[in-house]
Amino acid sequence: MTVTGQYATLLSRGLSGVQAPEVQIEVHATNGLPSLSIVGLPEASVKESKDRVRSAVMGAGFQLPPKRMTINLAPADIPKQGGRYDLPIALGILVATGQLAPVRDLSTLEWFGELGLNGALRPVPGVLPAVMQAAQAGRTVVVPMANLAEASLVEGVRVLGAENLLSVCHYLADNRAELQAPETVDFTSASYLEDMADIRGQQQAKRLLEICASGGHSLLMVGPPGSGKSMLASRLVTLLPDLPLEHAIEVASVHSVAGKTVEVDRFRQRQLVQPHHTATAAAMVGGGSGSNPKPGAVSLAHRSILFLDELPEFNRAVLEALREPLETGRVEIARVNQQVTYPARVQLVCAMNPTPSGFFPDDALGRCC
């Protein structure tokens, strides 16, 4: 951390798949025509942060001096997106303009959080991978209160939660001030709303599910409508053991990057991901228009079950896109400026009708054969 007169540097992290590269937020304030510019390959959501920061700083009782301020997000060759940099940008402005004199060593802290116009801190996606890599660097992490439970799942790192910008400023300026520490996490056994005991009969099918669960085998169920294919598949997940801590962290990281809430009480629970048969290839294996492609259904089902109901109704290109992830256990998405990798070790379960009419050819109800 370097603070000399009108210059300040704070630390945060970006997102690249399930990786979180370090990002330095440098703020330089100097005399000149009043302006606030952000450089360092920011996307639209990052460029808009200057308006959120301006209102949040004034809402916290500070001023935005009429200076020429330049904010650099380094390294400059990594695309930046989202509102995760709002908090360090606001703190950097206050430090660089002399309104906040930190008494804590900022080189030991990393900051995450989107600012509301009133200074409140809002949650951001991808906190869990960032906290994991901050733990390797030996730094303390400050996150919005809504992300505190998720961040506390990582062991060996000090995590603090903040409600708003003003409370963070008090923490920096006063050694006696403290932010909210997480509660002790109790990793209880996974519990499911459905259970195999709900199914009456189907002894042969249930025995087959037990074999698939014990050996991690894929499964294709063929039968007429109403025979219980979907009901059986939805309960296969209850036969699998709880996720070990290492695998649970992997799964939670993918869901965190996807912007989904990571619930502590379901942390070690297996997932049943069931995309609709109209899903596109991007929805199935991942992608999107942003600089950080989102994980698809096959990655959200990592270490769990991917269930494809009505298999013949899926587009051929979608099924072909699954070939490589199922073989390698990962998805690699290439973009012009970067390449991201998501894990995708899944147990594939499919269900289909035997004929277009839904019934077997020798069935009296079968009218298409």
Protein backbone atom coordinates (compact mmCIF):
# COMPACT_ATOMS: atom_id res chain seq x y z
CA MET A 1 0.00 0.00 0.00
CA THR A 2 1.29 3.44 -0.93
CA VAL A 3 -0.31 6.67 0.21
CA THR A 4 1.60 9.85 -0.57
CA GLY A 5 -0.33 13.08 -0.64
CA GLN A 6 -2.87 12.74 -3.43
CA TYR A 7 -2.34 9.09 -4.31
CA ALA A 8 -3.87 5.92 -2.85
CA THR A 9 -3.95 2.22 -3.70
CA LEU A 10 -6.39 -0.42 -2.45
CA LEU A 11 -6.79 -4.10 -3.29
CA SER A 12 -9.68 -6.09 -4.68
CA ARG A 13 -10.15 -9.05 -7.04
CA GLY A 14 -11.79 -9.59 -10.41
CA LEU A 15 -13.43 -12.66 -11.90
CA SER A 16 -12.12 -15.01 -14.58
CA GLY A 17 -14.16 -18.19 -14.44
CA VAL A 18 -13.67 -19.55 -10.92
CA GLN A 19 -10.39 -17.69 -10.59
CA ALA A 20 -10.08 -14.28 -8.94
CA PRO A 21 -7.04 -12.33 -10.16
CA GLU A 22 -5.83 -9.51 -7.93
CA VAL A 23 -6.85 -5.99 -8.98
CA GLN A 24 -5.23 -2.84 -7.64
CA ILE A 25 -7.42 0.26 -7.47
CA GLU A 26 -5.16 3.29 -7.85
CA VAL A 27 -6.61 6.75 -7.26
CA HIS A 28 -4.78 9.95 -8.14
CA ALA A 29 -6.25 13.36 -7.29
CA THR A 30 -4.66 16.52 -8.63
CA ASN A 31 -5.54 20.13 -9.40
CA GLY A 32 -7.23 20.86 -12.71
CA LEU A 33 -10.66 20.87 -14.27
CA PRO A 34 -12.98 18.78 -12.04
CA SER A 35 -13.40 15.30 -13.51
CA LEU A 36 -13.60 11.65 -12.50
CA SER A 37 -12.36 9.07 -15.00
CA ILE A 38 -11.90 5.30 -14.72
CA VAL A 39 -9.31 3.48 -16.83
CA GLY A 40 -8.05 -0.09 -16.93
CA LEU A 41 -10.41 -1.85 -19.38
CA PRO A 42 -13.65 -1.19 -17.44
CA GLU A 43 -16.98 -2.38 -18.86
CA ALA A 44 -20.16 -0.30 -18.73
CA SER A 45 -21.13 -1.40 -15.22
CA VAL A 46 -17.72 -0.33 -13.90
CA LYS A 47 -17.80 3.02 -15.72
CA GLU A 48 -21.17 3.73 -14.11
CA SER A 49 -19.66 3.25 -10.65
CA LYS A 50 -18.45 6.85 -10.60
CA ASP A 51 -22.06 8.02 -10.35
CA ARG A 52 -22.86 5.54 -7.58
CA VAL A 53 -19.66 6.45 -5.74
CA ARG A 54 -20.34 10.19 -6.01
CA SER A 55 -23.76 9.86 -4.36
CA ALA A 56 -22.54 7.34 -1.76
CA VAL A 57 -19.61 9.53 -0.70
CA MET A 58 -21.84 12.56 -0.24
CA GLY A 59 -24.48 10.44 1.52
CA ALA A 60 -21.85 9.35 4.05
CA GLY A 61 -21.14 12.97 4.96
CA PHE A 62 -17.98 13.47 2.88
CA GLN A 63 -17.29 15.76 -0.04
CA LEU A 64 -16.14 15.18 -3.59
CA PRO A 65 -13.54 17.96 -3.99
CA PRO A 66 -13.35 19.81 -7.34
CA LYS A 67 -10.21 17.98 -8.45
CA ARG A 68 -9.13 16.00 -11.46
CA MET A 69 -9.29 12.38 -10.31
CA THR A 70 -8.06 9.38 -12.26
CA ILE A 71 -8.90 5.83 -11.14
CA ASN A 72 -6.81 3.02 -12.60
CA LEU A 73 -7.84 -0.63 -12.28
CA ALA A 74 -4.60 -2.56 -12.70
CA PRO A 75 -3.57 -4.73 -14.45
CA ALA A 76 -4.99 -2.88 -17.43
CA ASP A 77 -5.20 -5.92 -19.74
CA ILE A 78 -7.82 -7.78 -17.65
CA PRO A 79 -11.46 -6.82 -18.38
CA LYS A 80 -13.30 -5.48 -15.31
CA GLN A 81 -17.04 -5.84 -14.85
CA GLY A 82 -19.71 -5.50 -12.17
CA GLY A 83 -20.10 -3.27 -9.14
CA ARG A 84 -17.60 -5.13 -6.94
CA TYR A 85 -15.08 -2.24 -7.20
CA ASP A 86 -17.43 0.48 -5.87
CA LEU A 87 -16.27 0.21 -2.26
CA PRO A 88 -12.48 0.33 -2.90
CA ILE A 89 -12.97 3.16 -5.42
CA ALA A 90 -14.89 5.23 -2.85
CA LEU A 91 -12.30 4.56 -0.13
CA GLY A 92 -9.46 5.39 -2.53
CA ILE A 93 -11.06 8.75 -3.34
CA LEU A 94 -11.48 9.59 0.35
CA VAL A 95 -7.87 8.65 1.12
CA ALA A 96 -6.40 10.42 -1.91
CA THR A 97 -8.30 13.64 -1.16
CA GLY A 98 -7.23 13.64 2.49
CA GLN A 99 -10.72 13.15 3.94
CA LEU A 100 -9.87 9.74 5.42
CA ALA A 101 -6.61 9.02 7.24
CA PRO A 102 -6.39 5.22 7.63
CA VAL A 103 -4.69 3.91 10.75
CA ARG A 104 -4.75 0.31 9.47
CA ASP A 105 -2.37 -1.22 6.97
CA LEU A 106 -4.36 -1.30 3.73
CA SER A 107 -1.93 -3.77 2.14
CA THR A 108 -3.43 -6.46 4.40
CA LEU A 109 -7.03 -5.78 3.36
CA GLU A 110 -9.14 -6.61 0.32
CA TRP A 111 -12.46 -4.89 -0.42
CA PHE A 112 -15.62 -5.98 -2.23
CA GLY A 113 -19.03 -4.39 -2.49
CA GLU A 114 -21.44 -2.48 -4.68
CA LEU A 115 -22.60 0.88 -3.30
CA GLY A 116 -26.14 2.14 -3.24
CA LEU A 117 -26.79 5.84 -3.70
CA ASN A 118 -27.28 6.18 0.08
CA GLY A 119 -23.95 4.48 0.85
CA ALA A 120 -25.40 1.05 1.65
CA LEU A 121 -23.35 -1.98 0.61
CA ARG A 122 -25.03 -4.47 -1.70
CA PRO A 123 -23.93 -8.06 -2.38
CA VAL A 124 -21.81 -8.99 -5.39
CA PRO A 125 -21.38 -12.33 -7.18
CA GLY A 126 -18.21 -14.39 -7.11
CA VAL A 127 -17.20 -13.58 -3.53
CA LEU A 128 -16.27 -17.16 -2.61
CA PRO A 129 -13.44 -17.60 -5.20
CA ALA A 130 -12.11 -14.16 -4.25
CA VAL A 131 -12.03 -15.03 -0.55
CA MET A 132 -10.29 -18.33 -1.28
CA GLN A 133 -7.45 -16.57 -3.09
CA ALA A 134 -7.30 -13.79 -0.50
CA ALA A 135 -6.76 -16.53 2.09
CA GLN A 136 -3.75 -17.76 0.13
CA ALA A 137 -2.36 -14.20 0.18
CA GLY A 138 -2.94 -13.95 3.95
CA ARG A 139 -5.20 -10.90 3.79
CA THR A 140 -8.36 -9.86 5.62
CA VAL A 141 -11.48 -9.51 3.45
CA VAL A 142 -14.25 -6.93 3.87
CA VAL A 143 -17.54 -7.83 2.16
CA PRO A 144 -21.18 -6.65 2.30
CA MET A 145 -23.22 -8.18 5.09
CA ALA A 146 -25.30 -10.12 2.56
CA ASN A 147 -22.12 -11.94 1.42
CA LEU A 148 -20.76 -12.57 4.92
CA ALA A 149 -22.26 -16.04 5.42
CA GLU A 150 -20.99 -17.19 2.03
CA ALA A 151 -17.51 -15.78 2.64
CA SER A 152 -17.31 -17.46 6.05
CA LEU A 153 -17.35 -20.90 4.38
CA VAL A 154 -13.64 -20.51 3.58
CA GLU A 155 -11.33 -21.60 6.38
CA GLY A 156 -8.10 -19.87 7.34
CA VAL A 157 -9.08 -16.31 6.46
CA ARG A 158 -10.47 -13.40 8.47
CA VAL A 159 -13.71 -12.11 6.94
CA LEU A 160 -15.59 -8.98 8.04
CA GLY A 161 -19.02 -7.73 7.00
CA ALA A 162 -20.11 -4.11 6.62
CA GLU A 163 -23.53 -2.51 6.23
CA ASN A 164 -22.50 0.76 4.59
CA LEU A 165 -19.63 3.00 3.54
CA LEU A 166 -19.65 5.02 6.76
CA SER A 167 -19.06 1.96 8.96
CA VAL A 168 -16.07 0.99 6.79
CA CYS A 169 -14.63 4.51 7.15
CA HIS A 170 -14.95 4.27 10.95
CA TYR A 171 -13.17 0.91 10.85
CA LEU A 172 -10.27 2.37 8.86
CA ALA A 173 -9.90 5.56 10.90
CA ASP A 174 -10.26 4.08 14.40
CA ASN A 175 -8.37 1.06 15.73
CA ARG A 176 -11.13 0.50 18.27
CA ALA A 177 -13.88 0.23 15.66
CA GLU A 178 -14.75 -3.24 14.41
CA LEU A 179 -16.90 -4.64 11.65
CA GLN A 180 -19.25 -7.63 11.90
CA ALA A 181 -17.50 -10.99 12.21
CA PRO A 182 -19.25 -14.10 10.84
CA GLU A 183 -21.02 -16.57 13.05
CA THR A 184 -19.59 -20.03 13.58
CA VAL A 185 -20.52 -22.24 10.65
CA ASP A 186 -22.03 -25.64 11.49
CA PHE A 187 -21.80 -27.95 8.51
CA THR A 188 -24.78 -30.17 9.26
CA SER A 189 -25.67 -33.18 7.14
CA ALA A 190 -27.59 -32.45 3.96
CA SER A 191 -31.36 -32.84 4.12
CA TYR A 192 -33.75 -33.12 1.17
CA LEU A 193 -37.45 -32.45 0.82
CA GLU A 194 -37.88 -35.63 -1.20
CA ASP A 195 -36.78 -39.15 -0.31
CA MET A 196 -36.63 -42.54 -1.96
CA ALA A 197 -38.96 -43.83 0.77
CA ASP A 198 -41.75 -41.76 -0.82
CA ILE A 199 -41.90 -44.21 -3.74
CA ARG A 200 -44.08 -47.30 -3.39
CA GLY A 201 -43.21 -50.30 -5.53
CA GLN A 202 -40.72 -49.83 -8.36
CA GLN A 203 -38.35 -52.22 -6.58
CA GLN A 204 -36.31 -53.03 -9.67
CA ALA A 205 -35.96 -49.34 -10.60
CA LYS A 206 -34.94 -48.38 -7.06
CA ARG A 207 -32.33 -51.14 -6.99
CA LEU A 208 -30.97 -49.83 -10.28
CA LEU A 209 -30.72 -46.32 -8.82
CA GLU A 210 -28.78 -47.67 -5.85
CA ILE A 211 -26.27 -49.29 -8.24
CA CYS A 212 -25.92 -46.04 -10.22
CA ALA A 213 -25.41 -44.04 -7.03
CA SER A 214 -22.78 -46.39 -5.65
CA GLY A 215 -20.80 -46.60 -8.90
CA GLY A 216 -21.37 -43.10 -10.29
CA HIS A 217 -22.86 -44.58 -13.47
CA SER A 218 -24.86 -42.64 -16.02
CA LEU A 219 -28.44 -43.75 -16.61
CA LEU A 220 -31.03 -43.66 -19.39
CA MET A 221 -34.62 -44.45 -18.40
CA VAL A 222 -37.09 -45.38 -21.12
CA GLY A 223 -40.78 -45.69 -20.36
CA PRO A 224 -44.26 -44.35 -21.13
CA PRO A 225 -45.58 -41.14 -19.52
CA GLY A 226 -46.55 -41.58 -15.88
CA SER A 227 -44.27 -44.54 -15.24
CA GLY A 228 -42.23 -42.56 -12.69
CA LYS A 229 -39.05 -41.66 -14.60
CA SER A 230 -38.85 -38.05 -13.37
CA MET A 231 -39.92 -39.03 -9.86
CA LEU A 232 -37.13 -41.61 -9.63
CA ALA A 233 -34.48 -39.27 -11.09
CA SER A 234 -35.34 -36.48 -8.65
CA ARG A 235 -34.71 -38.83 -5.73
CA LEU A 236 -31.44 -40.30 -6.98
CA VAL A 237 -29.63 -37.32 -5.45
CA THR A 238 -30.78 -38.39 -1.97
CA LEU A 239 -28.84 -41.66 -2.29
CA LEU A 240 -25.52 -39.87 -2.80
CA PRO A 241 -23.27 -39.12 0.20
CA ASP A 242 -22.80 -35.55 1.45
CA LEU A 243 -20.22 -33.51 -0.41
CA PRO A 244 -16.82 -33.50 1.33
CA LEU A 245 -15.61 -30.03 2.28
CA GLU A 246 -13.20 -29.72 -0.66
CA HIS A 247 -15.87 -30.64 -3.21
CA ALA A 248 -18.48 -28.47 -1.49
CA ILE A 249 -16.18 -25.45 -1.90
CA GLU A 250 -15.79 -26.23 -5.61
CA VAL A 251 -19.56 -26.42 -6.11
CA ALA A 252 -20.24 -23.29 -4.05
CA SER A 253 -17.62 -21.35 -6.05
CA VAL A 254 -19.38 -22.15 -9.33
CA HIS A 255 -22.75 -21.10 -7.92
CA SER A 256 -21.22 -17.92 -6.48
CA VAL A 257 -19.79 -16.94 -9.87
CA ALA A 258 -23.21 -17.62 -11.43
CA GLY A 259 -24.73 -15.09 -9.02
CA LYS A 260 -26.71 -17.68 -7.07
CA THR A 261 -27.08 -17.50 -3.31
CA VAL A 262 -24.85 -19.96 -1.46
CA GLU A 263 -26.86 -21.18 1.53
CA VAL A 264 -24.89 -22.42 4.51
CA ASP A 265 -27.49 -25.02 5.50
CA ARG A 266 -27.35 -26.54 1.99
CA PHE A 267 -23.58 -26.20 1.61
CA ARG A 268 -22.85 -29.96 1.49
CA GLN A 269 -25.98 -30.90 -0.41
CA ARG A 270 -25.86 -32.44 -3.88
CA GLN A 271 -27.66 -30.62 -6.66
CA LEU A 272 -30.16 -31.89 -9.21
CA VAL A 273 -29.91 -29.60 -12.24
CA GLN A 274 -32.72 -30.11 -14.76
CA PRO A 275 -32.52 -27.80 -17.81
CA HIS A 276 -35.55 -27.56 -20.08
CA HIS A 277 -35.33 -29.26 -23.45
CA THR A 278 -35.44 -25.84 -25.15
CA ALA A 279 -32.11 -24.84 -23.53
CA THR A 280 -29.45 -23.49 -25.86
CA ALA A 281 -25.86 -24.72 -26.06
CA ALA A 282 -24.69 -21.63 -24.15
CA ALA A 283 -27.20 -22.33 -21.38
CA MET A 284 -26.06 -25.93 -21.20
CA VAL A 285 -22.25 -25.57 -21.23
CA GLY A 286 -21.84 -21.87 -20.37
CA GLY A 287 -21.20 -18.62 -22.16
CA GLY A 288 -22.95 -15.29 -22.52
CA SER A 289 -22.19 -11.83 -23.81
CA GLY A 290 -20.05 -10.51 -20.92
CA SER A 291 -16.27 -10.59 -20.61
CA ASN A 292 -16.65 -13.28 -17.92
CA PRO A 293 -18.83 -16.06 -19.42
CA LYS A 294 -21.31 -17.56 -16.96
CA PRO A 295 -21.28 -21.27 -16.06
CA GLY A 296 -23.89 -23.42 -17.72
CA ALA A 297 -26.10 -26.22 -16.43
CA VAL A 298 -23.36 -28.84 -16.73
CA SER A 299 -21.10 -26.78 -14.43
CA LEU A 300 -23.90 -25.96 -11.98
CA ALA A 301 -24.35 -29.75 -11.68
CA HIS A 302 -20.67 -30.24 -10.82
CA ARG A 303 -20.19 -33.18 -8.39
CA SER A 304 -23.95 -33.76 -8.66
CA ILE A 305 -26.60 -34.89 -11.17
CA LEU A 306 -27.50 -33.42 -14.55
CA PHE A 307 -30.98 -34.64 -15.47
CA LEU A 308 -32.13 -34.36 -19.08
CA ASP A 309 -35.85 -35.14 -19.25
CA GLU A 310 -37.40 -35.79 -22.68
CA LEU A 311 -33.94 -36.44 -24.14
CA PRO A 312 -34.99 -36.70 -27.83
CA GLU A 313 -36.50 -33.21 -27.63
CA PHE A 314 -33.12 -31.57 -27.00
CA ASN A 315 -31.44 -29.92 -29.97
CA ARG A 316 -28.72 -32.07 -31.53
CA ALA A 317 -26.15 -29.25 -31.24
CA VAL A 318 -26.86 -28.99 -27.50
CA LEU A 319 -26.25 -32.71 -26.96
CA GLU A 320 -23.08 -32.60 -29.08
CA ALA A 321 -21.82 -29.69 -26.95
CA LEU A 322 -22.02 -31.96 -23.91
CA ARG A 323 -19.67 -34.53 -25.41
CA GLU A 324 -16.36 -32.91 -24.41
CA PRO A 325 -17.39 -31.75 -20.89
CA LEU A 326 -18.59 -35.27 -20.07
CA GLU A 327 -15.29 -36.75 -21.26
CA THR A 328 -12.88 -34.24 -19.67
CA GLY A 329 -14.84 -33.10 -16.60
CA ARG A 330 -14.42 -29.42 -17.45
CA VAL A 331 -15.74 -26.71 -19.78
CA GLU A 332 -13.36 -24.35 -21.57
CA ILE A 333 -14.95 -21.20 -22.99
CA ALA A 334 -12.78 -19.11 -25.31
CA ARG A 335 -13.21 -15.39 -25.89
CA VAL A 336 -11.11 -12.92 -27.86
CA ASN A 337 -9.46 -11.46 -24.75
CA GLN A 338 -9.51 -14.41 -22.37
CA GLN A 339 -10.32 -18.08 -21.80
CA VAL A 340 -12.15 -19.37 -18.75
CA THR A 341 -12.49 -22.90 -17.41
CA TYR A 342 -15.32 -24.28 -15.29
CA PRO A 343 -15.43 -27.72 -13.64
CA ALA A 344 -18.07 -30.13 -14.95
CA ARG A 345 -17.78 -33.56 -13.33
CA VAL A 346 -21.40 -34.72 -13.41
CA GLN A 347 -23.45 -37.88 -13.26
CA LEU A 348 -25.73 -37.82 -16.30
CA VAL A 349 -29.29 -39.12 -15.97
CA CYS A 350 -31.68 -39.05 -18.93
CA ALA A 351 -35.31 -39.99 -19.46
CA MET A 352 -37.31 -40.46 -22.66
CA ASN A 353 -40.45 -41.95 -24.09
CA PRO A 354 -39.99 -45.08 -26.23
CA THR A 355 -41.86 -43.61 -29.24
CA PRO A 356 -43.22 -40.20 -30.29
CA SER A 357 -46.66 -41.21 -29.02
CA GLY A 358 -45.12 -41.95 -25.63
CA PHE A 359 -45.86 -45.66 -25.50
CA PHE A 360 -44.12 -48.86 -26.55
CA PRO A 361 -44.95 -50.19 -30.03
CA ASP A 362 -46.73 -53.27 -28.65
CA ASP A 363 -48.88 -51.14 -26.35
CA ALA A 364 -52.50 -50.73 -27.43
CA LEU A 365 -52.13 -46.98 -26.83
CA GLY A 366 -49.17 -46.71 -29.22
CA ARG A 367 -50.43 -45.10 -32.41
CA CYS A 368 -47.23 -44.06 -34.23
CA CYS A 369 -45.57 -47.36 -35.02
